[in-house]
Amino acid sequence: MEENKLSFEEAYKQLTELVKKMESGEMPLADSVAAYEQGIKLKAYCEQMLKEAELKIETLKVSSTQE
């Protein structure tokens, strides 16, 4: 799965589902490690999208105060 094709909401949903599965303690170790790796990628992707949104908001704030 490529994270960059997901919306923030889709990526966040996948991340929370992975966390729930891992917290259940029912996943085999190899699956848990793979889920952890995927979770790290999803987390980074979500954080990047949030940073981009914050930057856009700050840009809009600055633009609106200059008008």
PDB file of N, CA and C in Angstrom:
ATOM      1  N   MET A   1       0.835  -1.183   0.000  1.00  0.00           N
ATOM      2  CA  MET A   1       0.000   0.000   0.000  1.00  0.00           C
ATOM      3  C   MET A   1       0.879   1.245   0.000  1.00  0.00           C
ATOM      4  N   GLU A   2       0.508   2.206  -0.807  1.00  0.00           N
ATOM      5  CA  GLU A   2       1.255   3.449  -0.836  1.00  0.00           C
ATOM      6  C   GLU A   2       0.491   4.498  -0.046  1.00  0.00           C
ATOM      7  N   GLU A   3       1.149   5.008   1.009  1.00  0.00           N
ATOM      8  CA  GLU A   3       0.499   5.963   1.883  1.00  0.00           C
ATOM      9  C   GLU A   3       0.123   7.241   1.149  1.00  0.00           C
ATOM     10  N   ASN A   4       0.953   7.670   0.187  1.00  0.00           N
ATOM     11  CA  ASN A   4       0.720   8.957  -0.451  1.00  0.00           C
ATOM     12  C   ASN A   4      -0.523   9.001  -1.334  1.00  0.00           C
ATOM     13  N   LYS A   5      -1.191   7.889  -1.499  1.00  0.00           N
ATOM     14  CA  LYS A   5      -2.433   7.865  -2.260  1.00  0.00           C
ATOM     15  C   LYS A   5      -3.655   7.917  -1.340  1.00  0.00           C
ATOM     16  N   LEU A   6      -3.417   7.945  -0.042  1.00  0.00           N
ATOM     17  CA  LEU A   6      -4.506   7.954   0.927  1.00  0.00           C
ATOM     18  C   LEU A   6      -4.826   9.366   1.378  1.00  0.00           C
ATOM     19  N   SER A   7      -6.078   9.584   1.729  1.00  0.00           N
ATOM     20  CA  SER A   7      -6.416  10.828   2.393  1.00  0.00           C
ATOM     21  C   SER A   7      -5.933  10.721   3.836  1.00  0.00           C
ATOM     22  N   PHE A   8      -5.884  11.849   4.510  1.00  0.00           N
ATOM     23  CA  PHE A   8      -5.488  11.830   5.918  1.00  0.00           C
ATOM     24  C   PHE A   8      -6.407  10.910   6.707  1.00  0.00           C
ATOM     25  N   GLU A   9      -7.695  11.032   6.463  1.00  0.00           N
ATOM     26  CA  GLU A   9      -8.680  10.243   7.200  1.00  0.00           C
ATOM     27  C   GLU A   9      -8.496   8.735   6.983  1.00  0.00           C
ATOM     28  N   GLU A  10      -8.216   8.352   5.743  1.00  0.00           N
ATOM     29  CA  GLU A  10      -7.996   6.933   5.443  1.00  0.00           C
ATOM     30  C   GLU A  10      -6.732   6.415   6.129  1.00  0.00           C
ATOM     31  N   ALA A  11      -5.669   7.203   6.059  1.00  0.00           N
ATOM     32  CA  ALA A  11      -4.410   6.792   6.686  1.00  0.00           C
ATOM     33  C   ALA A  11      -4.562   6.693   8.193  1.00  0.00           C
ATOM     34  N   TYR A  12      -5.238   7.665   8.788  1.00  0.00           N
ATOM     35  CA  TYR A  12      -5.443   7.658  10.241  1.00  0.00           C
ATOM     36  C   TYR A  12      -6.298   6.463  10.662  1.00  0.00           C
ATOM     37  N   LYS A  13      -7.310   6.147   9.870  1.00  0.00           N
ATOM     38  CA  LYS A  13      -8.164   4.993  10.174  1.00  0.00           C
ATOM     39  C   LYS A  13      -7.345   3.702  10.132  1.00  0.00           C
ATOM     40  N   GLN A  14      -6.514   3.561   9.105  1.00  0.00           N
ATOM     41  CA  GLN A  14      -5.670   2.364   9.005  1.00  0.00           C
ATOM     42  C   GLN A  14      -4.713   2.278  10.191  1.00  0.00           C
ATOM     43  N   LEU A  15      -4.162   3.421  10.573  1.00  0.00           N
ATOM     44  CA  LEU A  15      -3.248   3.443  11.711  1.00  0.00           C
ATOM     45  C   LEU A  15      -3.944   3.012  12.999  1.00  0.00           C
ATOM     46  N   THR A  16      -5.124   3.529  13.249  1.00  0.00           N
ATOM     47  CA  THR A  16      -5.830   3.155  14.478  1.00  0.00           C
ATOM     48  C   THR A  16      -6.244   1.682  14.457  1.00  0.00           C
ATOM     49  N   GLU A  17      -6.581   1.164  13.289  1.00  0.00           N
ATOM     50  CA  GLU A  17      -6.922  -0.258  13.189  1.00  0.00           C
ATOM     51  C   GLU A  17      -5.705  -1.139  13.474  1.00  0.00           C
ATOM     52  N   LEU A  18      -4.544  -0.726  12.967  1.00  0.00           N
ATOM     53  CA  LEU A  18      -3.310  -1.474  13.250  1.00  0.00           C
ATOM     54  C   LEU A  18      -3.015  -1.488  14.749  1.00  0.00           C
ATOM     55  N   VAL A  19      -3.173  -0.333  15.370  1.00  0.00           N
ATOM     56  CA  VAL A  19      -2.908  -0.236  16.814  1.00  0.00           C
ATOM     57  C   VAL A  19      -3.839  -1.167  17.587  1.00  0.00           C
ATOM     58  N   LYS A  20      -5.117  -1.175  17.235  1.00  0.00           N
ATOM     59  CA  LYS A  20      -6.079  -2.051  17.918  1.00  0.00           C
ATOM     60  C   LYS A  20      -5.683  -3.519  17.781  1.00  0.00           C
ATOM     61  N   LYS A  21      -5.304  -3.913  16.562  1.00  0.00           N
ATOM     62  CA  LYS A  21      -4.904  -5.308  16.330  1.00  0.00           C
ATOM     63  C   LYS A  21      -3.670  -5.664  17.157  1.00  0.00           C
ATOM     64  N   MET A  22      -2.705  -4.746  17.185  1.00  0.00           N
ATOM     65  CA  MET A  22      -1.474  -5.020  17.925  1.00  0.00           C
ATOM     66  C   MET A  22      -1.739  -5.070  19.431  1.00  0.00           C
ATOM     67  N   GLU A  23      -2.612  -4.193  19.905  1.00  0.00           N
ATOM     68  CA  GLU A  23      -2.915  -4.167  21.334  1.00  0.00           C
ATOM     69  C   GLU A  23      -3.694  -5.399  21.791  1.00  0.00           C
ATOM     70  N   SER A  24      -4.356  -6.057  20.857  1.00  0.00           N
ATOM     71  CA  SER A  24      -5.132  -7.240  21.221  1.00  0.00           C
ATOM     72  C   SER A  24      -4.228  -8.379  21.689  1.00  0.00           C
ATOM     73  N   GLY A  25      -2.969  -8.354  21.249  1.00  0.00           N
ATOM     74  CA  GLY A  25      -2.021  -9.385  21.644  1.00  0.00           C
ATOM     75  C   GLY A  25      -2.210 -10.706  20.941  1.00  0.00           C
ATOM     76  N   GLU A  26      -3.065 -10.731  19.932  1.00  0.00           N
ATOM     77  CA  GLU A  26      -3.357 -11.983  19.245  1.00  0.00           C
ATOM     78  C   GLU A  26      -2.590 -12.156  17.943  1.00  0.00           C
ATOM     79  N   MET A  27      -1.800 -11.148  17.567  1.00  0.00           N
ATOM     80  CA  MET A  27      -1.043 -11.248  16.325  1.00  0.00           C
ATOM     81  C   MET A  27       0.257 -12.002  16.570  1.00  0.00           C
ATOM     82  N   PRO A  28       0.659 -12.848  15.638  1.00  0.00           N
ATOM     83  CA  PRO A  28       1.966 -13.487  15.740  1.00  0.00           C
ATOM     84  C   PRO A  28       3.060 -12.413  15.697  1.00  0.00           C
ATOM     85  N   LEU A  29       4.219 -12.729  16.223  1.00  0.00           N
ATOM     86  CA  LEU A  29       5.306 -11.763  16.311  1.00  0.00           C
ATOM     87  C   LEU A  29       5.666 -11.156  14.954  1.00  0.00           C
ATOM     88  N   ALA A  30       5.813 -11.988  13.938  1.00  0.00           N
ATOM     89  CA  ALA A  30       6.194 -11.483  12.617  1.00  0.00           C
ATOM     90  C   ALA A  30       5.145 -10.509  12.081  1.00  0.00           C
ATOM     91  N   ASP A  31       3.883 -10.806  12.301  1.00  0.00           N
ATOM     92  CA  ASP A  31       2.810  -9.909  11.870  1.00  0.00           C
ATOM     93  C   ASP A  31       2.830  -8.612  12.667  1.00  0.00           C
ATOM     94  N   SER A  32       3.129  -8.710  13.944  1.00  0.00           N
ATOM     95  CA  SER A  32       3.219  -7.518  14.788  1.00  0.00           C
ATOM     96  C   SER A  32       4.340  -6.601  14.334  1.00  0.00           C
ATOM     97  N   VAL A  33       5.470  -7.183  13.971  1.00  0.00           N
ATOM     98  CA  VAL A  33       6.605  -6.387  13.492  1.00  0.00           C
ATOM     99  C   VAL A  33       6.237  -5.702  12.179  1.00  0.00           C
ATOM    100  N   ALA A  34       5.612  -6.425  11.275  1.00  0.00           N
ATOM    101  CA  ALA A  34       5.192  -5.843   9.994  1.00  0.00           C
ATOM    102  C   ALA A  34       4.153  -4.738  10.222  1.00  0.00           C
ATOM    103  N   ALA A  35       3.232  -4.967  11.149  1.00  0.00           N
ATOM    104  CA  ALA A  35       2.221  -3.957  11.461  1.00  0.00           C
ATOM    105  C   ALA A  35       2.872  -2.724  12.068  1.00  0.00           C
ATOM    106  N   TYR A  36       3.867  -2.931  12.910  1.00  0.00           N
ATOM    107  CA  TYR A  36       4.590  -1.817  13.525  1.00  0.00           C
ATOM    108  C   TYR A  36       5.290  -0.979  12.458  1.00  0.00           C
ATOM    109  N   GLU A  37       5.943  -1.655  11.517  1.00  0.00           N
ATOM    110  CA  GLU A  37       6.626  -0.949  10.429  1.00  0.00           C
ATOM    111  C   GLU A  37       5.628  -0.140   9.595  1.00  0.00           C
ATOM    112  N   GLN A  38       4.495  -0.746   9.288  1.00  0.00           N
ATOM    113  CA  GLN A  38       3.467  -0.049   8.525  1.00  0.00           C
ATOM    114  C   GLN A  38       2.908   1.121   9.339  1.00  0.00           C
ATOM    115  N   GLY A  39       2.749   0.910  10.624  1.00  0.00           N
ATOM    116  CA  GLY A  39       2.249   1.974  11.495  1.00  0.00           C
ATOM    117  C   GLY A  39       3.175   3.175  11.528  1.00  0.00           C
ATOM    118  N   ILE A  40       4.470   2.926  11.540  1.00  0.00           N
ATOM    119  CA  ILE A  40       5.445   4.021  11.532  1.00  0.00           C
ATOM    120  C   ILE A  40       5.307   4.836  10.239  1.00  0.00           C
ATOM    121  N   LYS A  41       5.136   4.151   9.120  1.00  0.00           N
ATOM    122  CA  LYS A  41       4.972   4.847   7.838  1.00  0.00           C
ATOM    123  C   LYS A  41       3.686   5.677   7.833  1.00  0.00           C
ATOM    124  N   LEU A  42       2.602   5.088   8.321  1.00  0.00           N
ATOM    125  CA  LEU A  42       1.328   5.802   8.359  1.00  0.00           C
ATOM    126  C   LEU A  42       1.397   7.010   9.289  1.00  0.00           C
ATOM    127  N   LYS A  43       2.046   6.844  10.428  1.00  0.00           N
ATOM    128  CA  LYS A  43       2.191   7.951  11.383  1.00  0.00           C
ATOM    129  C   LYS A  43       2.961   9.102  10.747  1.00  0.00           C
ATOM    130  N   ALA A  44       4.064   8.790  10.094  1.00  0.00           N
ATOM    131  CA  ALA A  44       4.871   9.821   9.443  1.00  0.00           C
ATOM    132  C   ALA A  44       4.069  10.526   8.344  1.00  0.00           C
ATOM    133  N   TYR A  45       3.305   9.761   7.596  1.00  0.00           N
ATOM    134  CA  TYR A  45       2.480  10.326   6.537  1.00  0.00           C
ATOM    135  C   TYR A  45       1.429  11.265   7.116  1.00  0.00           C
ATOM    136  N   CYS A  46       0.765  10.842   8.176  1.00  0.00           N
ATOM    137  CA  CYS A  46      -0.245  11.688   8.819  1.00  0.00           C
ATOM    138  C   CYS A  46       0.389  12.962   9.379  1.00  0.00           C
ATOM    139  N   GLU A  47       1.543  12.824   9.999  1.00  0.00           N
ATOM    140  CA  GLU A  47       2.226  13.999  10.545  1.00  0.00           C
ATOM    141  C   GLU A  47       2.594  14.978   9.435  1.00  0.00           C
ATOM    142  N   GLN A  48       3.058  14.472   8.309  1.00  0.00           N
ATOM    143  CA  GLN A  48       3.419  15.332   7.183  1.00  0.00           C
ATOM    144  C   GLN A  48       2.197  16.068   6.651  1.00  0.00           C
ATOM    145  N   MET A  49       1.091  15.365   6.533  1.00  0.00           N
ATOM    146  CA  MET A  49      -0.133  16.005   6.049  1.00  0.00           C
ATOM    147  C   MET A  49      -0.600  17.087   7.017  1.00  0.00           C
ATOM    148  N   LEU A  50      -0.479  16.845   8.305  1.00  0.00           N
ATOM    149  CA  LEU A  50      -0.865  17.847   9.296  1.00  0.00           C
ATOM    150  C   LEU A  50       0.047  19.075   9.215  1.00  0.00           C
ATOM    151  N   LYS A  51       1.341  18.850   9.044  1.00  0.00           N
ATOM    152  CA  LYS A  51       2.278  19.971   8.911  1.00  0.00           C
ATOM    153  C   LYS A  51       1.940  20.816   7.683  1.00  0.00           C
ATOM    154  N   GLU A  52       1.618  20.154   6.583  1.00  0.00           N
ATOM    155  CA  GLU A  52       1.257  20.878   5.370  1.00  0.00           C
ATOM    156  C   GLU A  52      -0.018  21.696   5.573  1.00  0.00           C
ATOM    157  N   ALA A  53      -0.987  21.127   6.268  1.00  0.00           N
ATOM    158  CA  ALA A  53      -2.230  21.846   6.550  1.00  0.00           C
ATOM    159  C   ALA A  53      -1.960  23.043   7.451  1.00  0.00           C
ATOM    160  N   GLU A  54      -1.125  22.872   8.463  1.00  0.00           N
ATOM    161  CA  GLU A  54      -0.774  23.978   9.356  1.00  0.00           C
ATOM    162  C   GLU A  54      -0.087  25.102   8.578  1.00  0.00           C
ATOM    163  N   LEU A  55       0.807  24.745   7.681  1.00  0.00           N
ATOM    164  CA  LEU A  55       1.505  25.741   6.880  1.00  0.00           C
ATOM    165  C   LEU A  55       0.526  26.527   6.008  1.00  0.00           C
ATOM    166  N   LYS A  56      -0.423  25.826   5.404  1.00  0.00           N
ATOM    167  CA  LYS A  56      -1.432  26.500   4.580  1.00  0.00           C
ATOM    168  C   LYS A  56      -2.256  27.476   5.425  1.00  0.00           C
ATOM    169  N   ILE A  57      -2.627  27.042   6.623  1.00  0.00           N
ATOM    170  CA  ILE A  57      -3.421  27.898   7.507  1.00  0.00           C
ATOM    171  C   ILE A  57      -2.623  29.133   7.902  1.00  0.00           C
ATOM    172  N   GLU A  58      -1.364  28.940   8.260  1.00  0.00           N
ATOM    173  CA  GLU A  58      -0.524  30.078   8.630  1.00  0.00           C
ATOM    174  C   GLU A  58      -0.353  31.037   7.452  1.00  0.00           C
ATOM    175  N   THR A  59      -0.189  30.500   6.256  1.00  0.00           N
ATOM    176  CA  THR A  59      -0.064  31.330   5.063  1.00  0.00           C
ATOM    177  C   THR A  59      -1.342  32.139   4.842  1.00  0.00           C
ATOM    178  N   LEU A  60      -2.478  31.497   5.026  1.00  0.00           N
ATOM    179  CA  LEU A  60      -3.754  32.202   4.869  1.00  0.00           C
ATOM    180  C   LEU A  60      -3.925  33.283   5.928  1.00  0.00           C
ATOM    181  N   LYS A  61      -3.502  33.001   7.152  1.00  0.00           N
ATOM    182  CA  LYS A  61      -3.591  33.997   8.223  1.00  0.00           C
ATOM    183  C   LYS A  61      -2.767  35.225   7.882  1.00  0.00           C
ATOM    184  N   VAL A  62      -1.541  34.988   7.437  1.00  0.00           N
ATOM    185  CA  VAL A  62      -0.640  36.090   7.102  1.00  0.00           C
ATOM    186  C   VAL A  62      -1.217  36.884   5.933  1.00  0.00           C
ATOM    187  N   SER A  63      -1.720  36.189   4.932  1.00  0.00           N
ATOM    188  CA  SER A  63      -2.289  36.855   3.754  1.00  0.00           C
ATOM    189  C   SER A  63      -3.497  37.701   4.128  1.00  0.00           C
ATOM    190  N   SER A  64      -4.336  37.183   5.016  1.00  0.00           N
ATOM    191  CA  SER A  64      -5.544  37.912   5.381  1.00  0.00           C
ATOM    192  C   SER A  64      -5.256  39.126   6.241  1.00  0.00           C
ATOM    193  N   THR A  65      -4.188  39.112   7.001  1.00  0.00           N
ATOM    194  CA  THR A  65      -3.837  40.267   7.842  1.00  0.00           C
ATOM    195  C   THR A  65      -3.139  41.348   7.023  1.00  0.00           C
ATOM    196  N   GLN A  66      -2.617  40.992   5.860  1.00  0.00           N
ATOM    197  CA  GLN A  66      -1.913  41.965   5.022  1.00  0.00           C
ATOM    198  C   GLN A  66      -2.861  42.697   4.082  1.00  0.00           C
ATOM    199  N   GLU A  67      -4.067  42.244   3.962  1.00  0.00           N
ATOM    200  CA  GLU A  67      -5.023  42.867   3.039  1.00  0.00           C
ATOM    201  C   GLU A  67      -5.699  44.048   3.650  1.00  0.00           C
TER     202      GLU A  67
END
